[in-house]
Amino acid sequence: VLRKGEFSALIGPSGSGKSTLLNIIGSLDRPTAGRLFIEG
């Protein structure tokens, strides 16, 4: 969950899936399973 006004860092080693996760959060890609909610 990313809350309003929060300033968060996403860290992890190369190949950990950070870019994939960012693409899903940004709705540039869709998850295979599970759900994304934007503003509810």
PDB file of all heavy atoms in Angstrom:
ATOM      1  N   VAL A   1       0.857  -1.187   0.000  1.00  0.00           N
ATOM      2  CA  VAL A   1       0.000   0.000   0.000  1.00  0.00           C
ATOM      3  C   VAL A   1       0.891   1.234   0.000  1.00  0.00           C
ATOM      4  O   VAL A   1       1.837   1.324   0.799  1.00  0.00           O
ATOM      5  CB  VAL A   1      -0.927   0.031   1.233  1.00  0.00           C
ATOM      6  CG1 VAL A   1      -1.719   1.337   1.278  1.00  0.00           C
ATOM      7  CG2 VAL A   1      -1.876  -1.165   1.224  1.00  0.00           C
ATOM      8  N   LEU A   2       0.628   2.178  -0.903  1.00  0.00           N
ATOM      9  CA  LEU A   2       1.290   3.484  -0.903  1.00  0.00           C
ATOM     10  C   LEU A   2       0.260   4.519  -0.479  1.00  0.00           C
ATOM     11  O   LEU A   2      -0.761   4.679  -1.147  1.00  0.00           O
ATOM     12  CB  LEU A   2       1.849   3.824  -2.284  1.00  0.00           C
ATOM     13  CG  LEU A   2       2.916   2.869  -2.837  1.00  0.00           C
ATOM     14  CD1 LEU A   2       3.344   3.305  -4.235  1.00  0.00           C
ATOM     15  CD2 LEU A   2       4.136   2.814  -1.912  1.00  0.00           C
ATOM     16  N   ARG A   3       0.520   5.206   0.612  1.00  0.00           N
ATOM     17  CA  ARG A   3      -0.447   6.140   1.176  1.00  0.00           C
ATOM     18  C   ARG A   3      -0.188   7.558   0.682  1.00  0.00           C
ATOM     19  O   ARG A   3       0.921   7.899   0.297  1.00  0.00           O
ATOM     20  CB  ARG A   3      -0.397   6.096   2.706  1.00  0.00           C
ATOM     21  CG  ARG A   3      -0.682   4.701   3.266  1.00  0.00           C
ATOM     22  CD  ARG A   3      -0.391   4.608   4.756  1.00  0.00           C
ATOM     23  NE  ARG A   3      -0.515   3.230   5.210  1.00  0.00           N
ATOM     24  CZ  ARG A   3       0.467   2.343   5.184  1.00  0.00           C
ATOM     25  NH1 ARG A   3       1.667   2.687   4.709  1.00  0.00           N
ATOM     26  NH2 ARG A   3       0.273   1.117   5.620  1.00  0.00           N
ATOM     27  N   LYS A   4      -1.221   8.380   0.746  1.00  0.00           N
ATOM     28  CA  LYS A   4      -1.144   9.755   0.258  1.00  0.00           C
ATOM     29  C   LYS A   4      -0.021  10.510   0.952  1.00  0.00           C
ATOM     30  O   LYS A   4       0.096  10.512   2.171  1.00  0.00           O
ATOM     31  CB  LYS A   4      -2.472  10.480   0.497  1.00  0.00           C
ATOM     32  CG  LYS A   4      -2.466  11.935   0.034  1.00  0.00           C
ATOM     33  CD  LYS A   4      -3.820  12.570   0.190  1.00  0.00           C
ATOM     34  CE  LYS A   4      -3.776  14.069  -0.103  1.00  0.00           C
ATOM     35  NZ  LYS A   4      -3.248  14.380  -1.436  1.00  0.00           N
ATOM     36  N   GLY A   5       0.831  11.151   0.143  1.00  0.00           N
ATOM     37  CA  GLY A   5       1.896  11.990   0.657  1.00  0.00           C
ATOM     38  C   GLY A   5       3.118  11.244   1.148  1.00  0.00           C
ATOM     39  O   GLY A   5       4.107  11.864   1.561  1.00  0.00           O
ATOM     40  N   GLU A   6       3.115   9.919   1.080  1.00  0.00           N
ATOM     41  CA  GLU A   6       4.234   9.123   1.573  1.00  0.00           C
ATOM     42  C   GLU A   6       5.389   9.156   0.571  1.00  0.00           C
ATOM     43  O   GLU A   6       5.176   9.104  -0.634  1.00  0.00           O
ATOM     44  CB  GLU A   6       3.752   7.686   1.764  1.00  0.00           C
ATOM     45  CG  GLU A   6       4.625   6.817   2.634  1.00  0.00           C
ATOM     46  CD  GLU A   6       3.926   5.508   2.973  1.00  0.00           C
ATOM     47  OE1 GLU A   6       3.343   4.895   2.057  1.00  0.00           O
ATOM     48  OE2 GLU A   6       3.953   5.113   4.141  1.00  0.00           O
ATOM     49  N   PHE A   7       6.599   9.225   1.102  1.00  0.00           N
ATOM     50  CA  PHE A   7       7.807   9.247   0.261  1.00  0.00           C
ATOM     51  C   PHE A   7       8.592   7.989   0.587  1.00  0.00           C
ATOM     52  O   PHE A   7       9.258   7.891   1.621  1.00  0.00           O
ATOM     53  CB  PHE A   7       8.636  10.496   0.565  1.00  0.00           C
ATOM     54  CG  PHE A   7       9.655  10.826  -0.496  1.00  0.00           C
ATOM     55  CD1 PHE A   7       9.423  11.858  -1.400  1.00  0.00           C
ATOM     56  CD2 PHE A   7      10.836  10.115  -0.593  1.00  0.00           C
ATOM     57  CE1 PHE A   7      10.366  12.172  -2.378  1.00  0.00           C
ATOM     58  CE2 PHE A   7      11.776  10.413  -1.559  1.00  0.00           C
ATOM     59  CZ  PHE A   7      11.543  11.443  -2.458  1.00  0.00           C
ATOM     60  N   SER A   8       8.509   6.992  -0.308  1.00  0.00           N
ATOM     61  CA  SER A   8       9.059   5.666  -0.027  1.00  0.00           C
ATOM     62  C   SER A   8      10.169   5.307  -0.998  1.00  0.00           C
ATOM     63  O   SER A   8      10.168   5.735  -2.153  1.00  0.00           O
ATOM     64  CB  SER A   8       7.960   4.598  -0.118  1.00  0.00           C
ATOM     65  OG  SER A   8       6.903   4.884   0.773  1.00  0.00           O
ATOM     66  N   ALA A   9      11.104   4.488  -0.513  1.00  0.00           N
ATOM     67  CA  ALA A   9      12.162   3.937  -1.356  1.00  0.00           C
ATOM     68  C   ALA A   9      11.879   2.461  -1.600  1.00  0.00           C
ATOM     69  O   ALA A   9      11.462   1.741  -0.684  1.00  0.00           O
ATOM     70  CB  ALA A   9      13.515   4.101  -0.691  1.00  0.00           C
ATOM     71  N   LEU A  10      12.111   2.017  -2.828  1.00  0.00           N
ATOM     72  CA  LEU A  10      12.052   0.602  -3.177  1.00  0.00           C
ATOM     73  C   LEU A  10      13.471   0.171  -3.517  1.00  0.00           C
ATOM     74  O   LEU A  10      14.067   0.682  -4.462  1.00  0.00           O
ATOM     75  CB  LEU A  10      11.120   0.374  -4.368  1.00  0.00           C
ATOM     76  CG  LEU A  10      11.017  -1.064  -4.887  1.00  0.00           C
ATOM     77  CD1 LEU A  10      10.421  -1.988  -3.830  1.00  0.00           C
ATOM     78  CD2 LEU A  10      10.175  -1.116  -6.165  1.00  0.00           C
ATOM     79  N   ILE A  11      14.019  -0.750  -2.721  1.00  0.00           N
ATOM     80  CA  ILE A  11      15.391  -1.175  -2.910  1.00  0.00           C
ATOM     81  C   ILE A  11      15.435  -2.689  -3.112  1.00  0.00           C
ATOM     82  O   ILE A  11      14.456  -3.392  -2.862  1.00  0.00           O
ATOM     83  CB  ILE A  11      16.295  -0.775  -1.721  1.00  0.00           C
ATOM     84  CG1 ILE A  11      15.868  -1.528  -0.447  1.00  0.00           C
ATOM     85  CG2 ILE A  11      16.260   0.733  -1.500  1.00  0.00           C
ATOM     86  CD1 ILE A  11      16.845  -1.354   0.711  1.00  0.00           C
ATOM     87  N   GLY A  12      16.579  -3.170  -3.553  1.00  0.00           N
ATOM     88  CA  GLY A  12      16.774  -4.601  -3.761  1.00  0.00           C
ATOM     89  C   GLY A  12      17.849  -4.822  -4.799  1.00  0.00           C
ATOM     90  O   GLY A  12      18.166  -3.929  -5.593  1.00  0.00           O
ATOM     91  N   PRO A  13      18.442  -6.012  -4.820  1.00  0.00           N
ATOM     92  CA  PRO A  13      19.509  -6.301  -5.787  1.00  0.00           C
ATOM     93  C   PRO A  13      18.993  -6.309  -7.209  1.00  0.00           C
ATOM     94  O   PRO A  13      17.785  -6.433  -7.455  1.00  0.00           O
ATOM     95  CB  PRO A  13      19.996  -7.695  -5.364  1.00  0.00           C
ATOM     96  CG  PRO A  13      18.851  -8.300  -4.615  1.00  0.00           C
ATOM     97  CD  PRO A  13      18.149  -7.162  -3.938  1.00  0.00           C
ATOM     98  N   SER A  14      19.897  -6.167  -8.150  1.00  0.00           N
ATOM     99  CA  SER A  14      19.532  -6.261  -9.567  1.00  0.00           C
ATOM    100  C   SER A  14      18.880  -7.616  -9.826  1.00  0.00           C
ATOM    101  O   SER A  14      19.332  -8.636  -9.315  1.00  0.00           O
ATOM    102  CB  SER A  14      20.771  -6.100 -10.447  1.00  0.00           C
ATOM    103  OG  SER A  14      21.337  -4.819 -10.277  1.00  0.00           O
ATOM    104  N   GLY A  15      17.814  -7.613 -10.614  1.00  0.00           N
ATOM    105  CA  GLY A  15      17.114  -8.851 -10.919  1.00  0.00           C
ATOM    106  C   GLY A  15      16.094  -9.269  -9.887  1.00  0.00           C
ATOM    107  O   GLY A  15      15.515 -10.353  -9.985  1.00  0.00           O
ATOM    108  N   SER A  16      15.840  -8.408  -8.895  1.00  0.00           N
ATOM    109  CA  SER A  16      14.897  -8.767  -7.832  1.00  0.00           C
ATOM    110  C   SER A  16      13.445  -8.523  -8.225  1.00  0.00           C
ATOM    111  O   SER A  16      12.529  -8.930  -7.499  1.00  0.00           O
ATOM    112  CB  SER A  16      15.218  -7.992  -6.552  1.00  0.00           C
ATOM    113  OG  SER A  16      15.130  -6.585  -6.775  1.00  0.00           O
ATOM    114  N   GLY A  17      13.219  -7.830  -9.355  1.00  0.00           N
ATOM    115  CA  GLY A  17      11.859  -7.584  -9.813  1.00  0.00           C
ATOM    116  C   GLY A  17      11.377  -6.164  -9.607  1.00  0.00           C
ATOM    117  O   GLY A  17      10.186  -5.875  -9.790  1.00  0.00           O
ATOM    118  N   LYS A  18      12.283  -5.240  -9.275  1.00  0.00           N
ATOM    119  CA  LYS A  18      11.878  -3.863  -8.989  1.00  0.00           C
ATOM    120  C   LYS A  18      11.223  -3.195 -10.193  1.00  0.00           C
ATOM    121  O   LYS A  18      10.175  -2.552 -10.066  1.00  0.00           O
ATOM    122  CB  LYS A  18      13.076  -3.026  -8.518  1.00  0.00           C
ATOM    123  CG  LYS A  18      13.725  -3.507  -7.239  1.00  0.00           C
ATOM    124  CD  LYS A  18      14.773  -2.537  -6.722  1.00  0.00           C
ATOM    125  CE  LYS A  18      15.907  -2.288  -7.697  1.00  0.00           C
ATOM    126  NZ  LYS A  18      16.679  -3.510  -8.026  1.00  0.00           N
ATOM    127  N   SER A  19      11.835  -3.322 -11.362  1.00  0.00           N
ATOM    128  CA  SER A  19      11.276  -2.682 -12.558  1.00  0.00           C
ATOM    129  C   SER A  19       9.926  -3.300 -12.934  1.00  0.00           C
ATOM    130  O   SER A  19       8.996  -2.588 -13.327  1.00  0.00           O
ATOM    131  CB  SER A  19      12.248  -2.788 -13.729  1.00  0.00           C
ATOM    132  OG  SER A  19      13.413  -2.028 -13.488  1.00  0.00           O
ATOM    133  N   THR A  20       9.813  -4.620 -12.794  1.00  0.00           N
ATOM    134  CA  THR A  20       8.536  -5.286 -13.071  1.00  0.00           C
ATOM    135  C   THR A  20       7.458  -4.780 -12.127  1.00  0.00           C
ATOM    136  O   THR A  20       6.337  -4.478 -12.547  1.00  0.00           O
ATOM    137  CB  THR A  20       8.691  -6.819 -12.918  1.00  0.00           C
ATOM    138  OG1 THR A  20       9.673  -7.281 -13.846  1.00  0.00           O
ATOM    139  CG2 THR A  20       7.377  -7.524 -13.181  1.00  0.00           C
ATOM    140  N   LEU A  21       7.802  -4.664 -10.854  1.00  0.00           N
ATOM    141  CA  LEU A  21       6.840  -4.167  -9.870  1.00  0.00           C
ATOM    142  C   LEU A  21       6.444  -2.729 -10.177  1.00  0.00           C
ATOM    143  O   LEU A  21       5.259  -2.374 -10.101  1.00  0.00           O
ATOM    144  CB  LEU A  21       7.441  -4.265  -8.471  1.00  0.00           C
ATOM    145  CG  LEU A  21       6.555  -3.796  -7.316  1.00  0.00           C
ATOM    146  CD1 LEU A  21       5.239  -4.557  -7.279  1.00  0.00           C
ATOM    147  CD2 LEU A  21       7.289  -3.940  -5.982  1.00  0.00           C
ATOM    148  N   LEU A  22       7.418  -1.912 -10.551  1.00  0.00           N
ATOM    149  CA  LEU A  22       7.124  -0.512 -10.873  1.00  0.00           C
ATOM    150  C   LEU A  22       6.202  -0.417 -12.089  1.00  0.00           C
ATOM    151  O   LEU A  22       5.286   0.413 -12.118  1.00  0.00           O
ATOM    152  CB  LEU A  22       8.422   0.248 -11.125  1.00  0.00           C
ATOM    153  CG  LEU A  22       8.385   1.742 -10.794  1.00  0.00           C
ATOM    154  CD1 LEU A  22       8.269   1.933  -9.296  1.00  0.00           C
ATOM    155  CD2 LEU A  22       9.633   2.446 -11.298  1.00  0.00           C
ATOM    156  N   ASN A  23       6.423  -1.258 -13.086  1.00  0.00           N
ATOM    157  CA  ASN A  23       5.567  -1.250 -14.274  1.00  0.00           C
ATOM    158  C   ASN A  23       4.128  -1.629 -13.934  1.00  0.00           C
ATOM    159  O   ASN A  23       3.184  -1.100 -14.518  1.00  0.00           O
ATOM    160  CB  ASN A  23       6.122  -2.211 -15.327  1.00  0.00           C
ATOM    161  CG  ASN A  23       7.338  -1.661 -16.033  1.00  0.00           C
ATOM    162  OD1 ASN A  23       7.592  -0.463 -16.021  1.00  0.00           O
ATOM    163  ND2 ASN A  23       8.118  -2.549 -16.629  1.00  0.00           N
ATOM    164  N   ILE A  24       3.959  -2.535 -12.989  1.00  0.00           N
ATOM    165  CA  ILE A  24       2.602  -2.926 -12.587  1.00  0.00           C
ATOM    166  C   ILE A  24       1.956  -1.826 -11.766  1.00  0.00           C
ATOM    167  O   ILE A  24       0.791  -1.480 -11.984  1.00  0.00           O
ATOM    168  CB  ILE A  24       2.644  -4.267 -11.826  1.00  0.00           C
ATOM    169  CG1 ILE A  24       2.944  -5.394 -12.810  1.00  0.00           C
ATOM    170  CG2 ILE A  24       1.322  -4.528 -11.095  1.00  0.00           C
ATOM    171  CD1 ILE A  24       3.115  -6.755 -12.182  1.00  0.00           C
ATOM    172  N   ILE A  25       2.699  -1.242 -10.829  1.00  0.00           N
ATOM    173  CA  ILE A  25       2.158  -0.130 -10.044  1.00  0.00           C
ATOM    174  C   ILE A  25       1.752   1.020 -10.969  1.00  0.00           C
ATOM    175  O   ILE A  25       0.711   1.658 -10.770  1.00  0.00           O
ATOM    176  CB  ILE A  25       3.189   0.360  -9.004  1.00  0.00           C
ATOM    177  CG1 ILE A  25       3.405  -0.716  -7.936  1.00  0.00           C
ATOM    178  CG2 ILE A  25       2.737   1.669  -8.357  1.00  0.00           C
ATOM    179  CD1 ILE A  25       4.545  -0.406  -6.981  1.00  0.00           C
ATOM    180  N   GLY A  26       2.560   1.261 -11.996  1.00  0.00           N
ATOM    181  CA  GLY A  26       2.263   2.340 -12.935  1.00  0.00           C
ATOM    182  C   GLY A  26       1.262   1.954 -13.999  1.00  0.00           C
ATOM    183  O   GLY A  26       0.991   2.740 -14.907  1.00  0.00           O
ATOM    184  N   SER A  27       0.718   0.745 -13.897  1.00  0.00           N
ATOM    185  CA  SER A  27      -0.272   0.196 -14.846  1.00  0.00           C
ATOM    186  C   SER A  27       0.242   0.171 -16.282  1.00  0.00           C
ATOM    187  O   SER A  27      -0.531   0.217 -17.233  1.00  0.00           O
ATOM    188  CB  SER A  27      -1.612   0.939 -14.759  1.00  0.00           C
ATOM    189  OG  SER A  27      -1.554   2.231 -15.301  1.00  0.00           O
ATOM    190  N   LEU A  28       1.571   0.081 -16.431  1.00  0.00           N
ATOM    191  CA  LEU A  28       2.166  -0.120 -17.748  1.00  0.00           C
ATOM    192  C   LEU A  28       2.120  -1.594 -18.137  1.00  0.00           C
ATOM    193  O   LEU A  28       2.269  -1.941 -19.302  1.00  0.00           O
ATOM    194  CB  LEU A  28       3.613   0.375 -17.749  1.00  0.00           C
ATOM    195  CG  LEU A  28       3.813   1.875 -17.513  1.00  0.00           C
ATOM    196  CD1 LEU A  28       5.286   2.190 -17.357  1.00  0.00           C
ATOM    197  CD2 LEU A  28       3.203   2.701 -18.633  1.00  0.00           C
ATOM    198  N   ASP A  29       1.926  -2.449 -17.138  1.00  0.00           N
ATOM    199  CA  ASP A  29       1.810  -3.881 -17.349  1.00  0.00           C
ATOM    200  C   ASP A  29       0.760  -4.397 -16.367  1.00  0.00           C
ATOM    201  O   ASP A  29       0.517  -3.786 -15.324  1.00  0.00           O
ATOM    202  CB  ASP A  29       3.167  -4.555 -17.106  1.00  0.00           C
ATOM    203  CG  ASP A  29       3.263  -5.946 -17.720  1.00  0.00           C
ATOM    204  OD1 ASP A  29       2.280  -6.384 -18.362  1.00  0.00           O
ATOM    205  OD2 ASP A  29       4.315  -6.590 -17.564  1.00  0.00           O
ATOM    206  N   ARG A  30       0.147  -5.509 -16.695  1.00  0.00           N
ATOM    207  CA  ARG A  30      -0.878  -6.079 -15.828  1.00  0.00           C
ATOM    208  C   ARG A  30      -0.330  -7.304 -15.107  1.00  0.00           C
ATOM    209  O   ARG A  30       0.471  -8.059 -15.664  1.00  0.00           O
ATOM    210  CB  ARG A  30      -2.116  -6.469 -16.642  1.00  0.00           C
ATOM    211  CG  ARG A  30      -2.873  -5.289 -17.236  1.00  0.00           C
ATOM    212  CD  ARG A  30      -4.137  -5.770 -17.923  1.00  0.00           C
ATOM    213  NE  ARG A  30      -4.852  -4.726 -18.617  1.00  0.00           N
ATOM    214  CZ  ARG A  30      -5.927  -4.097 -18.143  1.00  0.00           C
ATOM    215  NH1 ARG A  30      -6.391  -4.413 -16.945  1.00  0.00           N
ATOM    216  NH2 ARG A  30      -6.546  -3.162 -18.867  1.00  0.00           N
ATOM    217  N   PRO A  31      -0.760  -7.517 -13.855  1.00  0.00           N
ATOM    218  CA  PRO A  31      -0.309  -8.711 -13.138  1.00  0.00           C
ATOM    219  C   PRO A  31      -0.899  -9.979 -13.733  1.00  0.00           C
ATOM    220  O   PRO A  31      -1.981  -9.956 -14.330  1.00  0.00           O
ATOM    221  CB  PRO A  31      -0.820  -8.479 -11.708  1.00  0.00           C
ATOM    222  CG  PRO A  31      -1.954  -7.526 -11.849  1.00  0.00           C
ATOM    223  CD  PRO A  31      -1.644  -6.666 -13.038  1.00  0.00           C
ATOM    224  N   THR A  32      -0.189 -11.092 -13.565  1.00  0.00           N
ATOM    225  CA  THR A  32      -0.709 -12.388 -13.982  1.00  0.00           C
ATOM    226  C   THR A  32      -1.821 -12.836 -13.050  1.00  0.00           C
ATOM    227  O   THR A  32      -2.812 -13.442 -13.464  1.00  0.00           O
ATOM    228  CB  THR A  32       0.419 -13.432 -13.977  1.00  0.00           C
ATOM    229  OG1 THR A  32       1.512 -12.941 -14.768  1.00  0.00           O
ATOM    230  CG2 THR A  32      -0.053 -14.760 -14.552  1.00  0.00           C
ATOM    231  N   ALA A  33      -1.664 -12.535 -11.770  1.00  0.00           N
ATOM    232  CA  ALA A  33      -2.681 -12.817 -10.764  1.00  0.00           C
ATOM    233  C   ALA A  33      -2.604 -11.725  -9.707  1.00  0.00           C
ATOM    234  O   ALA A  33      -1.587 -11.043  -9.573  1.00  0.00           O
ATOM    235  CB  ALA A  33      -2.462 -14.185 -10.138  1.00  0.00           C
ATOM    236  N   GLY A  34      -3.693 -11.551  -8.944  1.00  0.00           N
ATOM    237  CA  GLY A  34      -3.741 -10.481  -7.961  1.00  0.00           C
ATOM    238  C   GLY A  34      -4.365  -9.232  -8.547  1.00  0.00           C
ATOM    239  O   GLY A  34      -4.732  -9.192  -9.734  1.00  0.00           O
ATOM    240  N   ARG A  35      -4.456  -8.184  -7.727  1.00  0.00           N
ATOM    241  CA  ARG A  35      -5.183  -6.984  -8.151  1.00  0.00           C
ATOM    242  C   ARG A  35      -4.424  -5.714  -7.804  1.00  0.00           C
ATOM    243  O   ARG A  35      -3.719  -5.644  -6.789  1.00  0.00           O
ATOM    244  CB  ARG A  35      -6.570  -6.943  -7.494  1.00  0.00           C
ATOM    245  CG  ARG A  35      -7.380  -8.206  -7.685  1.00  0.00           C
ATOM    246  CD  ARG A  35      -8.767  -8.069  -7.085  1.00  0.00           C
ATOM    247  NE  ARG A  35      -9.668  -7.329  -7.966  1.00  0.00           N
ATOM    248  CZ  ARG A  35     -10.874  -6.909  -7.603  1.00  0.00           C
ATOM    249  NH1 ARG A  35     -11.312  -7.101  -6.383  1.00  0.00           N
ATOM    250  NH2 ARG A  35     -11.638  -6.257  -8.472  1.00  0.00           N
ATOM    251  N   LEU A  36      -4.604  -4.715  -8.658  1.00  0.00           N
ATOM    252  CA  LEU A  36      -4.076  -3.372  -8.449  1.00  0.00           C
ATOM    253  C   LEU A  36      -5.248  -2.413  -8.297  1.00  0.00           C
ATOM    254  O   LEU A  36      -6.159  -2.406  -9.129  1.00  0.00           O
ATOM    255  CB  LEU A  36      -3.204  -2.940  -9.641  1.00  0.00           C
ATOM    256  CG  LEU A  36      -2.857  -1.452  -9.744  1.00  0.00           C
ATOM    257  CD1 LEU A  36      -1.920  -1.031  -8.618  1.00  0.00           C
ATOM    258  CD2 LEU A  36      -2.234  -1.135 -11.103  1.00  0.00           C
ATOM    259  N   PHE A  37      -5.222  -1.608  -7.238  1.00  0.00           N
ATOM    260  CA  PHE A  37      -6.223  -0.584  -7.012  1.00  0.00           C
ATOM    261  C   PHE A  37      -5.540   0.783  -7.039  1.00  0.00           C
ATOM    262  O   PHE A  37      -4.525   0.995  -6.382  1.00  0.00           O
ATOM    263  CB  PHE A  37      -6.899  -0.764  -5.647  1.00  0.00           C
ATOM    264  CG  PHE A  37      -7.689  -2.047  -5.512  1.00  0.00           C
ATOM    265  CD1 PHE A  37      -7.058  -3.230  -5.174  1.00  0.00           C
ATOM    266  CD2 PHE A  37      -9.061  -2.054  -5.719  1.00  0.00           C
ATOM    267  CE1 PHE A  37      -7.775  -4.405  -5.044  1.00  0.00           C
ATOM    268  CE2 PHE A  37      -9.792  -3.225  -5.591  1.00  0.00           C
ATOM    269  CZ  PHE A  37      -9.140  -4.410  -5.254  1.00  0.00           C
ATOM    270  N   ILE A  38      -6.094   1.696  -7.813  1.00  0.00           N
ATOM    271  CA  ILE A  38      -5.601   3.070  -7.859  1.00  0.00           C
ATOM    272  C   ILE A  38      -6.717   3.974  -7.363  1.00  0.00           C
ATOM    273  O   ILE A  38      -7.807   4.013  -7.935  1.00  0.00           O
ATOM    274  CB  ILE A  38      -5.182   3.470  -9.285  1.00  0.00           C
ATOM    275  CG1 ILE A  38      -4.011   2.599  -9.754  1.00  0.00           C
ATOM    276  CG2 ILE A  38      -4.787   4.949  -9.318  1.00  0.00           C
ATOM    277  CD1 ILE A  38      -3.566   2.884 -11.170  1.00  0.00           C
ATOM    278  N   GLU A  39      -6.436   4.680  -6.261  1.00  0.00           N
ATOM    279  CA  GLU A  39      -7.439   5.521  -5.609  1.00  0.00           C
ATOM    280  C   GLU A  39      -8.732   4.737  -5.363  1.00  0.00           C
ATOM    281  O   GLU A  39      -9.835   5.236  -5.595  1.00  0.00           O
ATOM    282  CB  GLU A  39      -7.689   6.786  -6.434  1.00  0.00           C
ATOM    283  CG  GLU A  39      -6.456   7.677  -6.513  1.00  0.00           C
ATOM    284  CD  GLU A  39      -6.771   9.087  -6.963  1.00  0.00           C
ATOM    285  OE1 GLU A  39      -7.565   9.252  -7.910  1.00  0.00           O
ATOM    286  OE2 GLU A  39      -6.231  10.021  -6.348  1.00  0.00           O
ATOM    287  N   GLY A  40      -8.582   3.501  -4.918  1.00  0.00           N
ATOM    288  CA  GLY A  40      -9.720   2.663  -4.586  1.00  0.00           C
ATOM    289  C   GLY A  40     -10.400   2.002  -5.766  1.00  0.00           C
ATOM    290  O   GLY A  40     -11.351   1.234  -5.586  1.00  0.00           O
TER     291      GLY A  40
END
